[in-house]
Protein backbone atom coordinates (compact mmCIF):
# COMPACT_ATOMS: atom_id res chain seq x y z
CA UNK A 1 -22.45 -16.08 -27.17
CA UNK A 2 -23.59 -15.72 -23.98
CA UNK A 3 -22.88 -18.37 -21.79
CA UNK A 4 -22.78 -18.96 -17.74
CA UNK A 5 -19.43 -19.18 -16.41
CA UNK A 6 -17.96 -20.41 -13.23
CA UNK A 7 -16.17 -17.74 -10.85
CA UNK A 8 -13.36 -18.44 -8.75
CA UNK A 9 -11.86 -15.44 -6.06
CA UNK A 10 -8.49 -14.69 -5.64
CA UNK A 11 -6.80 -11.80 -3.87
CA UNK A 12 -4.41 -11.18 -6.82
CA UNK A 13 -4.84 -12.52 -10.44
CA UNK A 14 -1.79 -12.55 -12.85
CA UNK A 15 -2.29 -12.74 -16.54
CA UNK A 16 0.78 -14.32 -18.36
CA UNK A 17 3.51 -16.74 -16.89
CA UNK A 18 6.46 -14.71 -18.28
CA UNK A 19 9.32 -13.49 -16.03
CA UNK A 20 7.11 -10.53 -15.15
CA UNK A 21 4.12 -12.41 -14.01
CA UNK A 22 6.01 -14.97 -12.09
CA UNK A 23 8.15 -12.78 -10.29
CA UNK A 24 4.89 -10.93 -9.17
CA UNK A 25 3.55 -14.11 -7.77
CA UNK A 26 6.63 -15.34 -6.02
CA UNK A 27 7.06 -11.58 -4.37
CA UNK A 28 3.14 -11.70 -3.16
CA UNK A 29 3.88 -15.13 -1.55
CA UNK A 30 7.39 -14.27 -0.21
CA UNK A 31 5.68 -10.96 1.49
CA UNK A 32 2.89 -13.25 3.16
CA UNK A 33 5.28 -15.70 4.47
CA UNK A 34 7.49 -12.91 5.90
CA UNK A 35 4.53 -11.56 7.96
CA UNK A 36 2.68 -15.11 8.45
CA UNK A 37 -0.24 -14.07 6.31
CA UNK A 38 -1.83 -15.72 3.72
CA UNK A 39 -2.75 -14.31 0.08
CA UNK A 40 -4.55 -16.10 -2.83
CA UNK A 41 -2.33 -15.67 -6.24
CA UNK A 42 -3.26 -17.11 -9.08
CA UNK A 43 -1.42 -17.38 -12.76
CA UNK A 44 -2.82 -17.81 -16.29
CA UNK A 45 -0.81 -18.61 -19.16
CA UNK A 46 -2.23 -19.10 -22.67
CA UNK A 47 0.75 -21.61 -23.87
CA UNK A 48 0.51 -25.24 -23.21
CA UNK A 49 2.84 -25.26 -20.47
CA UNK A 50 4.92 -22.56 -18.49
CA UNK A 51 7.69 -21.31 -20.85
CA UNK A 52 6.03 -22.80 -24.01
CA UNK A 53 5.77 -19.10 -25.49
CA UNK A 54 8.85 -17.40 -24.11
CA UNK A 55 11.21 -16.18 -26.62
CA UNK A 56 14.15 -14.13 -25.92
CA UNK A 57 17.87 -13.61 -27.09
CA UNK A 58 19.21 -13.82 -24.19
CA UNK A 59 21.69 -11.96 -22.17
CA UNK A 60 20.17 -11.33 -18.38
CA UNK A 61 21.34 -9.11 -16.12
CA UNK A 62 21.12 -10.71 -12.73
CA UNK A 63 20.46 -7.64 -10.86
CA UNK A 64 16.80 -8.18 -10.48
CA UNK A 65 16.92 -12.03 -9.92
CA UNK A 66 19.27 -11.40 -7.24
CA UNK A 67 16.90 -9.03 -5.35
CA UNK A 68 13.97 -11.80 -5.79
CA UNK A 69 16.34 -15.12 -4.85
CA UNK A 70 19.70 -14.04 -3.18
CA UNK A 71 20.74 -17.68 -3.31
CA UNK A 72 19.69 -18.40 -6.77
CA UNK A 73 22.76 -20.29 -7.48
CA UNK A 74 22.41 -22.59 -4.53
CA UNK A 75 18.60 -23.08 -6.16
CA UNK A 76 19.92 -24.22 -9.11
CA UNK A 77 18.69 -21.48 -11.81
CA UNK A 78 19.80 -21.92 -14.89
CA UNK A 79 22.06 -19.17 -15.32
CA UNK A 80 25.07 -21.45 -16.37
CA UNK A 81 27.04 -19.48 -18.83
CA UNK A 82 28.79 -16.01 -17.68
CA UNK A 83 29.39 -13.78 -20.39
CA UNK A 84 33.14 -14.02 -21.53
CA UNK A 85 33.85 -11.72 -24.27
CA UNK A 86 32.08 -8.96 -26.08
CA UNK A 87 32.18 -8.56 -29.77
CA UNK A 88 30.54 -5.61 -31.78
CA UNK A 89 30.77 -5.26 -35.74
CA UNK A 90 29.70 -2.98 -38.12
CA UNK A 91 28.95 -5.04 -41.25
CA UNK A 92 29.07 -4.58 -45.07
CA UNK A 93 28.47 -7.06 -47.89
CA UNK A 94 31.73 -8.79 -47.58
CA UNK A 95 33.48 -7.49 -44.63
CA UNK A 96 33.17 -6.40 -40.91
CA UNK A 97 34.61 -3.54 -38.65
CA UNK A 98 35.06 -4.61 -35.07
CA UNK A 99 34.40 -1.42 -32.84
CA UNK A 100 37.13 -1.40 -30.03
CA UNK A 101 35.94 -2.22 -26.68
CA UNK A 102 37.08 1.18 -25.46
CA UNK A 103 34.87 3.01 -27.78
CA UNK A 104 31.68 0.87 -26.70
CA UNK A 105 29.00 2.36 -24.47
CA UNK A 106 28.36 0.68 -21.25
CA UNK A 107 25.10 -0.21 -22.56
CA UNK A 108 26.94 -2.56 -25.12
CA UNK A 109 29.04 -4.23 -22.32
CA UNK A 110 28.10 -7.35 -20.66
CA UNK A 111 30.59 -8.39 -18.02
CA UNK A 112 28.65 -9.88 -15.28
CA UNK A 113 25.82 -11.15 -17.17
CA UNK A 114 24.82 -14.59 -18.22
CA UNK A 115 23.94 -15.99 -21.23
CA UNK A 116 20.52 -17.98 -20.82
CA UNK A 117 17.51 -19.75 -22.39
CA UNK A 118 14.81 -17.54 -20.97
CA UNK A 119 12.32 -20.17 -21.29
CA UNK A 120 14.45 -22.84 -19.09
CA UNK A 121 14.76 -19.53 -16.59
CA UNK A 122 10.76 -19.32 -16.76
CA UNK A 123 10.44 -22.81 -16.08
CA UNK A 124 12.53 -22.89 -12.89
CA UNK A 125 10.63 -19.63 -11.85
CA UNK A 126 7.40 -21.56 -12.31
CA UNK A 127 8.88 -24.28 -10.13
CA UNK A 128 9.52 -21.83 -7.10
CA UNK A 129 6.24 -19.92 -7.69
CA UNK A 130 4.37 -23.24 -7.36
CA UNK A 131 6.58 -24.43 -4.23
CA UNK A 132 5.34 -21.30 -2.84
CA UNK A 133 1.78 -21.75 -3.27
CA UNK A 134 1.18 -19.82 -6.36
CA UNK A 135 -1.81 -21.59 -8.63
CA UNK A 136 -0.69 -22.02 -12.27
CA UNK A 137 -2.84 -22.66 -15.11
CA UNK A 138 -1.20 -23.11 -18.32
CA UNK A 139 -3.24 -23.70 -21.45
CA UNK A 140 -5.90 -21.20 -20.21
CA UNK A 141 -5.99 -17.87 -22.03
CA UNK A 142 -7.31 -14.73 -20.60
CA UNK A 143 -9.62 -13.35 -23.38
CA UNK A 144 -11.64 -10.58 -21.63
CA UNK A 145 -11.43 -8.20 -19.19
CA UNK A 146 -14.15 -8.07 -16.32
CA UNK A 147 -15.02 -4.59 -15.13
CA UNK A 148 -17.04 -3.59 -11.78
CA UNK A 149 -19.80 -1.29 -12.19
CA UNK A 150 -17.71 1.75 -11.07
CA UNK A 151 -15.61 1.09 -13.97
CA UNK A 152 -12.42 -0.58 -12.31
CA UNK A 153 -11.22 -3.87 -13.19
CA UNK A 154 -12.97 -6.89 -11.45
CA UNK A 155 -10.56 -9.47 -13.12
CA UNK A 156 -10.39 -11.45 -16.07
CA UNK A 157 -12.35 -14.33 -18.18
CA UNK A 158 -10.66 -17.21 -20.11
CA UNK A 159 -11.59 -17.92 -23.34
CA UNK A 160 -14.46 -20.68 -24.22
CA UNK A 161 -13.14 -24.17 -25.56
CA UNK A 162 -14.50 -26.01 -28.14
CA UNK A 163 -16.06 -23.15 -30.63
CA UNK A 164 -16.14 -24.27 -33.94
CA UNK A 165 -14.78 -22.00 -37.00
CA UNK A 166 -18.47 -20.94 -37.62
CA UNK A 167 -18.84 -19.47 -33.92
CA UNK A 168 -20.94 -21.91 -33.03
CA UNK A 169 -20.23 -24.55 -29.51
CA UNK A 170 -19.12 -28.07 -30.95
CA UNK A 171 -19.34 -31.42 -29.07
CA UNK A 172 -16.30 -30.35 -26.90
CA UNK A 173 -17.70 -27.02 -25.84
CA UNK A 174 -16.14 -25.92 -22.57
CA UNK A 175 -17.55 -22.42 -21.46
CA UNK A 176 -14.44 -20.16 -19.96
CA UNK A 177 -13.89 -19.43 -16.57
CA UNK A 178 -14.21 -15.99 -14.57
CA UNK A 179 -11.69 -14.92 -12.10
CA UNK A 180 -12.11 -12.48 -9.74
CA UNK A 181 -9.56 -10.45 -8.11
CA UNK A 182 -8.99 -7.54 -5.68
CA UNK A 183 -6.17 -6.51 -8.29
CA UNK A 184 -5.28 -7.99 -11.61
CA UNK A 185 -1.89 -7.64 -13.03
CA UNK A 186 -1.08 -8.18 -16.56
CA UNK A 187 2.16 -9.50 -17.73
CA UNK A 188 1.11 -10.61 -21.14
CA UNK A 189 4.43 -9.69 -23.05
CA UNK A 190 4.82 -6.77 -26.15
CA UNK A 191 1.74 -5.63 -27.44
CA UNK A 192 -0.49 -7.72 -25.21
CA UNK A 193 -3.98 -8.27 -26.35
CA UNK A 194 -5.54 -7.33 -23.05
CA UNK A 195 -2.94 -4.64 -22.27
CA UNK A 196 -3.55 -2.83 -25.64
CA UNK A 197 -7.31 -2.59 -24.62
CA UNK A 198 -6.39 -1.24 -20.97
CA UNK A 199 -3.87 1.43 -22.34
CA UNK A 200 -6.85 2.74 -24.72
CA UNK A 201 -9.99 2.35 -22.19
CA UNK A 202 -7.75 4.23 -19.50
CA UNK A 203 -6.09 6.75 -21.69
CA UNK A 204 -2.81 5.34 -20.33
CA UNK A 205 -0.37 6.54 -22.85
CA UNK A 206 -1.91 10.26 -23.03
CA UNK A 207 1.17 12.49 -23.49
CA UNK A 208 3.57 9.53 -24.12
CA UNK A 209 5.41 9.11 -27.13
CA UNK A 210 3.98 6.23 -29.26
CA UNK A 211 5.39 3.01 -28.54
CA UNK A 212 7.82 1.56 -30.95
CA UNK A 213 8.31 -2.22 -31.63
CA UNK A 214 10.79 -4.28 -33.32
CA UNK A 215 10.28 -7.99 -34.48
CA UNK A 216 13.09 -10.40 -33.14
CA UNK A 217 13.45 -13.79 -34.91
CA UNK A 218 15.27 -16.25 -33.45
CA UNK A 219 17.19 -19.85 -34.09
CA UNK A 220 18.76 -22.33 -31.59
CA UNK A 221 21.81 -24.28 -33.31
CA UNK A 222 23.99 -26.98 -32.10
CA UNK A 223 27.54 -26.06 -33.90
CA UNK A 224 30.79 -27.70 -33.92
CA UNK A 225 32.44 -27.86 -30.76
CA UNK A 226 35.68 -26.40 -32.31
CA UNK A 227 33.86 -23.02 -33.01
CA UNK A 228 32.29 -22.95 -29.63
CA UNK A 229 33.21 -20.19 -26.92
CA UNK A 230 30.98 -20.36 -24.14
CA UNK A 231 29.81 -17.00 -23.07
CA UNK A 232 30.73 -15.03 -26.22
CA UNK A 233 28.47 -12.34 -27.23
CA UNK A 234 28.62 -10.91 -30.83
CA UNK A 235 26.17 -8.14 -32.12
CA UNK A 236 26.20 -6.46 -35.35
CA UNK A 237 24.99 -3.66 -37.06
CA UNK A 238 24.45 -2.60 -40.88
CA UNK A 239 24.41 -5.10 -43.59
CA UNK A 240 21.95 -6.65 -44.85
CA UNK A 241 19.83 -3.69 -43.66
CA UNK A 242 20.22 -0.22 -45.38
CA UNK A 243 21.64 2.39 -43.25
CA UNK A 244 18.10 4.10 -42.85
CA UNK A 245 16.63 0.99 -41.34
CA UNK A 246 17.07 0.52 -37.72
CA UNK A 247 18.05 -3.34 -36.69
CA UNK A 248 20.64 -5.44 -35.83
CA UNK A 249 21.77 -8.92 -34.95
CA UNK A 250 22.59 -10.95 -31.71
CA UNK A 251 24.77 -14.48 -31.59
CA UNK A 252 25.00 -15.85 -28.20
CA UNK A 253 27.12 -18.89 -27.26
CA UNK A 254 25.59 -21.01 -24.59
CA UNK A 255 26.60 -24.16 -22.83
CA UNK A 256 26.32 -27.59 -24.47
CA UNK A 257 27.80 -26.33 -27.78
CA UNK A 258 24.68 -24.21 -28.59
CA UNK A 259 24.31 -20.86 -30.34
CA UNK A 260 21.45 -18.61 -30.27
CA UNK A 261 21.33 -16.42 -33.20
CA UNK A 262 18.73 -13.72 -34.33
CA UNK A 263 17.81 -10.65 -35.62
CA UNK A 264 16.12 -7.61 -34.79
CA UNK A 265 14.46 -5.13 -37.33
CA UNK A 266 12.46 -2.11 -35.88
CA UNK A 267 9.10 -1.87 -37.38
CA UNK A 268 9.18 1.66 -38.32
CA UNK A 269 10.54 0.43 -41.62
CA UNK A 270 9.30 2.05 -44.75
CA UNK A 271 9.77 -0.25 -47.70
CA UNK A 272 6.80 -2.53 -47.85
CA UNK A 273 9.17 -5.24 -49.71
CA UNK A 274 11.42 -5.63 -46.84
CA UNK A 275 10.78 -8.68 -45.07
CA UNK A 276 12.64 -9.32 -41.56
CA UNK A 277 12.74 -13.05 -42.09
CA UNK A 278 14.49 -12.78 -45.39
CA UNK A 279 16.84 -10.34 -43.74
CA UNK A 280 17.66 -12.61 -41.11
CA UNK A 281 18.14 -15.43 -43.27
CA UNK A 282 20.53 -13.40 -45.43
CA UNK A 283 22.37 -11.93 -42.24
CA UNK A 284 23.85 -15.62 -41.76
CA UNK A 285 25.35 -15.82 -45.11
CA UNK A 286 27.74 -13.24 -44.05
CA UNK A 287 31.80 -14.29 -44.18
CA UNK A 288 32.11 -13.10 -40.75
CA UNK A 289 28.96 -15.11 -39.45
CA UNK A 290 28.43 -18.13 -41.84
CA UNK A 291 31.72 -19.66 -40.31
CA UNK A 292 29.80 -20.31 -36.99
CA UNK A 293 27.10 -22.79 -38.44
CA UNK A 294 28.80 -24.54 -40.94
CA UNK A 295 29.10 -28.39 -40.30
CA UNK A 296 26.14 -27.08 -37.42
CA UNK A 297 22.46 -28.19 -37.07
CA UNK A 298 19.49 -25.69 -36.63
CA UNK A 299 17.04 -27.19 -33.88
CA UNK A 300 14.52 -24.51 -32.91
CA UNK A 301 12.96 -20.99 -34.41
CA UNK A 302 10.77 -18.56 -33.32
CA UNK A 303 9.67 -14.86 -33.36
CA UNK A 304 8.42 -12.20 -31.10
CA UNK A 305 7.78 -8.45 -31.33
CA UNK A 306 9.66 -6.30 -28.61
CA UNK A 307 9.00 -3.03 -27.22
CA UNK A 308 11.68 -0.70 -27.86
CA UNK A 309 10.20 3.05 -27.11
CA UNK A 310 11.48 2.94 -23.72
CA UNK A 311 10.73 5.69 -20.76
CA UNK A 312 9.45 8.10 -23.26
CA UNK A 313 6.67 5.60 -24.44
CA UNK A 314 5.96 4.12 -21.42
CA UNK A 315 2.35 4.55 -20.77
CA UNK A 316 0.84 5.19 -17.02
CA UNK A 317 1.21 1.43 -15.66
CA UNK A 318 -1.84 1.40 -13.28
CA UNK A 319 -5.58 2.04 -13.41
CA UNK A 320 -8.61 1.36 -11.02
CA UNK A 321 -8.06 -2.60 -10.18
CA UNK A 322 -4.70 -3.47 -11.40
CA UNK A 323 -1.33 -2.81 -13.19
CA UNK A 324 0.75 -3.21 -16.44
CA UNK A 325 4.28 -5.11 -15.61
CA UNK A 326 7.09 -6.21 -18.00
CA UNK A 327 6.67 -5.84 -21.61
CA UNK A 328 3.07 -5.27 -21.46
CA UNK A 329 3.79 -1.66 -20.19
CA UNK A 330 7.07 -1.87 -22.61
CA UNK A 331 9.79 -1.92 -19.75
CA UNK A 332 12.41 -3.34 -22.19
CA UNK A 333 15.83 -1.33 -22.41
CA UNK A 334 16.37 -1.10 -26.45
CA UNK A 335 19.60 0.21 -25.91
CA UNK A 336 20.87 -2.86 -24.11
CA UNK A 337 18.52 -5.45 -25.74
CA UNK A 338 17.54 -6.73 -22.31
CA UNK A 339 14.16 -6.87 -20.94
CA UNK A 340 14.09 -9.76 -18.68
CA UNK A 341 15.46 -7.94 -15.51
CA UNK A 342 13.26 -5.03 -15.99
CA UNK A 343 10.40 -7.91 -16.26
CA UNK A 344 11.56 -9.24 -12.99
CA UNK A 345 11.76 -6.14 -11.09
CA UNK A 346 8.46 -4.43 -12.18
CA UNK A 347 6.83 -7.44 -11.44
CA UNK A 348 8.27 -7.40 -7.81
CA UNK A 349 7.10 -3.48 -7.37
CA UNK A 350 3.87 -4.65 -8.42
CA UNK A 351 3.43 -7.27 -6.11
CA UNK A 352 4.86 -4.84 -3.50
CA UNK A 353 2.22 -2.49 -3.94
CA UNK A 354 -0.40 -5.05 -4.46
CA UNK A 355 0.59 -6.57 -1.01
CA UNK A 356 0.27 -3.57 0.80
CA UNK A 357 -3.09 -2.51 -0.61
CA UNK A 358 -4.78 -6.05 0.03
CA UNK A 359 -3.17 -5.98 3.48
CA UNK A 360 -5.00 -2.68 4.13
CA UNK A 361 -8.25 -4.34 2.92
CA UNK A 362 -8.28 -2.35 -0.11
CA UNK A 363 -9.65 -3.61 -3.39
CA UNK A 364 -9.99 -2.20 -6.95
CA UNK A 365 -8.52 1.15 -6.27
CA UNK A 366 -5.10 2.59 -7.91
CA UNK A 367 -1.93 0.78 -6.88
CA UNK A 368 -0.20 4.28 -7.01
CA UNK A 369 2.78 3.12 -4.87
CA UNK A 370 3.85 0.98 -7.90
CA UNK A 371 4.16 4.42 -9.80
CA UNK A 372 6.20 5.83 -6.79
CA UNK A 373 8.41 2.31 -6.14
CA UNK A 374 9.32 2.40 -9.95
CA UNK A 375 10.50 6.16 -10.10
CA UNK A 376 12.34 5.53 -7.06
CA UNK A 377 14.24 2.30 -8.45
CA UNK A 378 17.28 1.66 -10.22
CA UNK A 379 14.97 0.21 -13.31
CA UNK A 380 14.12 4.09 -13.80
CA UNK A 381 17.34 5.40 -13.47
CA UNK A 382 18.39 2.92 -16.25
CA UNK A 383 15.54 3.31 -18.51
CA UNK A 384 16.22 7.33 -17.78
CA UNK A 385 19.64 7.23 -19.27
CA UNK A 386 18.75 5.16 -22.33
CA UNK A 387 15.55 7.48 -23.03
CA UNK A 388 16.78 8.85 -26.10
CA UNK A 389 18.11 5.46 -27.75
CA UNK A 390 15.23 5.02 -30.06
CA UNK A 391 14.71 8.61 -31.17
CA UNK A 392 18.49 8.64 -31.75
CA UNK A 393 18.70 5.60 -33.88
CA UNK A 394 15.61 6.48 -35.93
CA UNK A 395 17.94 8.97 -37.65
CA UNK A 396 19.90 6.30 -39.37
CA UNK A 397 22.92 3.78 -38.84
CA UNK A 398 25.69 6.65 -39.05
CA UNK A 399 23.74 9.43 -37.55
CA UNK A 400 22.32 7.31 -34.76
CA UNK A 401 25.58 6.03 -33.80
CA UNK A 402 27.28 8.98 -33.46
CA UNK A 403 24.14 10.51 -31.53
CA UNK A 404 24.23 7.64 -29.23
CA UNK A 405 27.90 7.82 -28.82
CA UNK A 406 27.61 11.08 -27.68
CA UNK A 407 24.94 10.61 -25.31
CA UNK A 408 26.14 7.42 -23.64
CA UNK A 409 30.03 8.01 -23.67
CA UNK A 410 30.03 11.73 -23.32
CA UNK A 411 26.95 12.28 -21.15
CA UNK A 412 26.68 8.92 -19.62
CA UNK A 413 23.06 8.89 -20.64
CA UNK A 414 22.35 12.37 -18.95
CA UNK A 415 22.48 14.66 -21.67
CA UNK A 416 20.59 17.65 -20.78
CA UNK A 417 17.85 17.29 -23.85
CA UNK A 418 15.23 14.40 -24.82
CA UNK A 419 14.52 13.32 -28.09
CA UNK A 420 11.35 12.04 -29.33
CA UNK A 421 9.80 9.79 -31.39
CA UNK A 422 6.44 11.38 -33.29
CA UNK A 423 5.03 8.41 -35.49
CA UNK A 424 3.70 5.16 -34.88
CA UNK A 425 5.42 2.20 -36.59
CA UNK A 426 2.59 1.50 -39.16
CA UNK A 427 2.58 5.27 -40.17
CA UNK A 428 5.87 5.10 -41.38
CA UNK A 429 4.92 2.44 -44.19
CA UNK A 430 5.50 3.82 -47.67
CA UNK A 431 3.30 3.10 -50.57
CA UNK A 432 4.98 0.40 -52.83
CA UNK A 433 4.96 2.82 -55.75
CA UNK A 434 7.47 5.06 -53.91
CA UNK A 435 9.85 2.00 -53.10
CA UNK A 436 12.41 -0.55 -54.47
CA UNK A 437 11.39 -4.07 -54.46
CA UNK A 438 14.01 -6.08 -52.65
CA UNK A 439 15.12 -9.65 -54.04
CA UNK A 440 16.06 -12.32 -51.44
CA UNK A 441 17.83 -15.50 -52.48
CA UNK A 442 16.42 -18.55 -52.24
CA UNK A 443 17.18 -20.56 -49.07
CA UNK A 444 19.48 -23.61 -49.28
CA UNK A 445 18.35 -25.62 -46.50
CA UNK A 446 21.72 -25.75 -44.76
CA UNK A 447 22.12 -22.31 -43.34
CA UNK A 448 18.98 -20.56 -44.73
CA UNK A 449 15.53 -22.01 -44.55
CA UNK A 450 12.07 -21.16 -45.56
CA UNK A 451 9.28 -19.98 -43.17
CA UNK A 452 7.55 -23.27 -43.41
CA UNK A 453 10.33 -25.35 -42.34
CA UNK A 454 11.05 -22.94 -39.69
CA UNK A 455 7.40 -23.00 -38.22
CA UNK A 456 7.72 -26.67 -38.38
CA UNK A 457 10.53 -26.64 -35.89
CA UNK A 458 8.73 -24.25 -33.64
CA UNK A 459 6.18 -26.76 -32.76
CA UNK A 460 3.34 -24.59 -33.46
CA UNK A 461 -0.13 -25.83 -33.37
CA UNK A 462 -3.70 -24.70 -33.21
CA UNK A 463 -6.96 -26.70 -33.27
CA UNK A 464 -7.95 -25.96 -36.56
CA UNK A 465 -11.94 -26.11 -36.22
CA UNK A 466 -11.77 -22.64 -34.12
CA UNK A 467 -12.71 -18.95 -35.11
CA UNK A 468 -9.44 -17.33 -36.74
CA UNK A 469 -7.86 -15.46 -34.05
CA UNK A 470 -6.48 -12.96 -36.87
CA UNK A 471 -9.51 -10.87 -37.18
CA UNK A 472 -10.18 -8.29 -39.78
CA UNK A 473 -12.15 -5.17 -39.08
CA UNK A 474 -13.14 -4.77 -43.00
CA UNK A 475 -12.45 -7.90 -44.86
CA UNK A 476 -12.40 -5.71 -48.20
CA UNK A 477 -9.10 -3.66 -47.17
CA UNK A 478 -6.57 -6.11 -47.44
CA UNK A 479 -7.16 -6.39 -51.68
CA UNK A 480 -8.46 -2.72 -51.93
CA UNK A 481 -5.83 -1.05 -49.63
CA UNK A 482 -2.93 -3.20 -48.77
CA UNK A 483 -2.35 -5.17 -51.99
CA UNK A 484 -3.32 -2.32 -54.27
CA UNK A 485 -1.38 0.52 -52.40
CA UNK A 486 1.59 -1.32 -50.58
CA UNK A 487 1.83 -4.59 -52.55
CA UNK A 488 0.47 -6.91 -49.40
CA UNK A 489 3.14 -6.27 -46.90
CA UNK A 490 1.50 -9.02 -44.86
CA UNK A 491 2.94 -11.53 -46.84
CA UNK A 492 6.52 -10.34 -45.98
CA UNK A 493 6.24 -8.89 -42.35
CA UNK A 494 4.67 -11.99 -41.01
CA UNK A 495 7.56 -14.57 -40.08
CA UNK A 496 5.53 -17.21 -40.13
CA UNK A 497 3.71 -17.62 -43.18
CA UNK A 498 0.21 -16.75 -41.89
CA UNK A 499 -0.48 -14.35 -44.72
CA UNK A 500 -0.78 -14.98 -48.37
CA UNK A 501 -2.52 -13.48 -51.35
CA UNK A 502 -4.19 -16.33 -53.69
CA UNK A 503 -6.34 -16.12 -56.85
CA UNK A 504 -9.99 -15.89 -55.99
CA UNK A 505 -12.96 -17.10 -57.96
CA UNK A 506 -13.73 -13.90 -59.76
CA UNK A 507 -10.37 -13.78 -61.35
CA UNK A 508 -8.62 -11.09 -58.67
CA UNK A 509 -6.60 -12.01 -55.55
CA UNK A 510 -7.82 -12.57 -52.03
CA UNK A 511 -6.25 -12.60 -48.65
CA UNK A 512 -5.69 -15.82 -47.38
CA UNK A 513 -4.81 -16.48 -43.24
CA UNK A 514 -3.26 -19.61 -42.58
CA UNK A 515 -4.08 -19.03 -38.76
CA UNK A 516 -2.72 -22.57 -37.85
CA UNK A 517 0.93 -21.20 -38.43
CA UNK A 518 0.84 -18.25 -36.26
CA UNK A 519 3.94 -17.99 -33.54
CA UNK A 520 1.98 -15.14 -31.56
CA UNK A 521 4.29 -12.49 -32.52
CA UNK A 522 1.88 -9.71 -33.22
CA UNK A 523 3.69 -8.29 -35.77
CA UNK A 524 0.47 -7.99 -37.52
CA UNK A 525 -1.02 -5.99 -35.22
CA UNK A 526 1.67 -3.80 -34.96
CA UNK A 527 2.74 -3.01 -38.50
CA UNK A 528 -0.78 -3.47 -40.92
CA UNK A 529 -0.66 -0.13 -42.28
CA UNK A 530 -4.33 0.59 -41.89
CA UNK A 531 -4.57 -1.07 -38.38
CA UNK A 532 -7.08 -3.69 -39.98
CA UNK A 533 -5.88 -6.74 -38.49
CA UNK A 534 -6.48 -7.28 -34.77
CA UNK A 535 -4.77 -10.16 -33.10
CA UNK A 536 -7.06 -11.83 -30.52
CA UNK A 537 -6.33 -14.67 -28.32
CA UNK A 538 -6.82 -18.25 -29.90
CA UNK A 539 -7.90 -21.24 -27.48
CA UNK A 540 -5.67 -21.70 -24.68
CA UNK A 541 -2.62 -24.29 -25.49
CA UNK A 542 -2.61 -22.88 -29.08
CA UNK A 543 0.80 -21.58 -30.54
CA UNK A 544 4.26 -22.31 -30.38
CA UNK A 545 5.50 -24.94 -28.08
CA UNK A 546 9.30 -23.45 -27.35
CA UNK A 547 11.85 -25.57 -26.00
CA UNK A 548 15.35 -24.45 -24.94
CA UNK A 549 14.46 -20.79 -26.10
């Protein structure tokens, strides 16, 4: 549908109001204030408000926010709960073995870090950005990349609003806006819709390992005050996953008797019968875990893919007219289960490179100093030390743990070798005929829950009369390939009940897509074995509305 769109001009446009995008915007305005100059900065956010789509564990290393706001404590940043104790448990079905602190690699130690709600931190960053003069537009999804005639990035366009399910304008139709910029920074989070296109168009991943992902599922609970220990950080590996499948849990005690509990499953798993959501529910029933939650109340749920490939899978981050920052590029450190500090730092580094370029009168060229600044930063050193982690853990729990121990304890991350991941996550799925079905217990509604009740408390909502944003390249593939060969894995890897196979009129089955349930986790875009599912942006303002996550 061709429509005329109004255009707005900025020096820098930023896609995504997460920690990376907001830190970039803040740093640009800080630099302008330091030099007594002006710079026009706009941030687009597809969520209904800043923080609505933010989901993370989270334990934050304050190293980057210390640089962005040295006085963040005085300014009231919501980093309120310092880590008080680390526990790392290896679970079997009925018991647990605690790893002694002296045996834990430094990447698993959290002294000096803070248990946070990243959503609350991002809301605070949004307030700081607006106070500095940044224009933030929540509820507007960047759906299209705009290019100059020479192929450089010109900016982005927001999606049309009020388009019906049939693709035709409704009475509420509003055309999208074009936002043109000298430089555009993409900070969409893991598996960004536009970032994915940029990586392909400019070949940014040439010579890199394929990116690895995990699906992270999280609940927020209010627990019995007698069981609450502010700052307690518990990580586990082992049960309920088998030793060949990468994954593990986190359990973080915040303030106000709240506990964030979650489970991460590597999306390189091979058994199509595995359900990350059900594994998470089953994990909570472990004797060492369930006692935290008995007598408590679940108050929130969400899910989000995370980038886990590390430095070896990091694409080139710059292209003519812009850059990738934060998890849109894949800066998360999987060995530490931390990415917010990396997001803040890369946002700052890209901002500094863009500010220099704008100040020099440049436009739409390569921000090469962003590359250089990253290579010279503490973040590059941190990710270099962790570069082998994903490849090591792909060897299984026991061999992987041994290899990580050798690498991180004996060599402190500076082993004279580099290991590589060679397959994409979707390539690792095996045919159902080669795998054993997994029987999961039914939810009890007290400790364990079904998907739909979970989606309900994520406050997910989409305008129903709009084109389905979970698109299929070939509508015949789900039944003819995914169901026939892989037993319909969409039903299990989706943490929100979006995909289900139902009886069709011809006596067979068809794939039903419940797009209203989508929490924007991107797992389907990553794990679909034929890469037939493509996640595109729905109307702005749709999706989850996370509070306190």
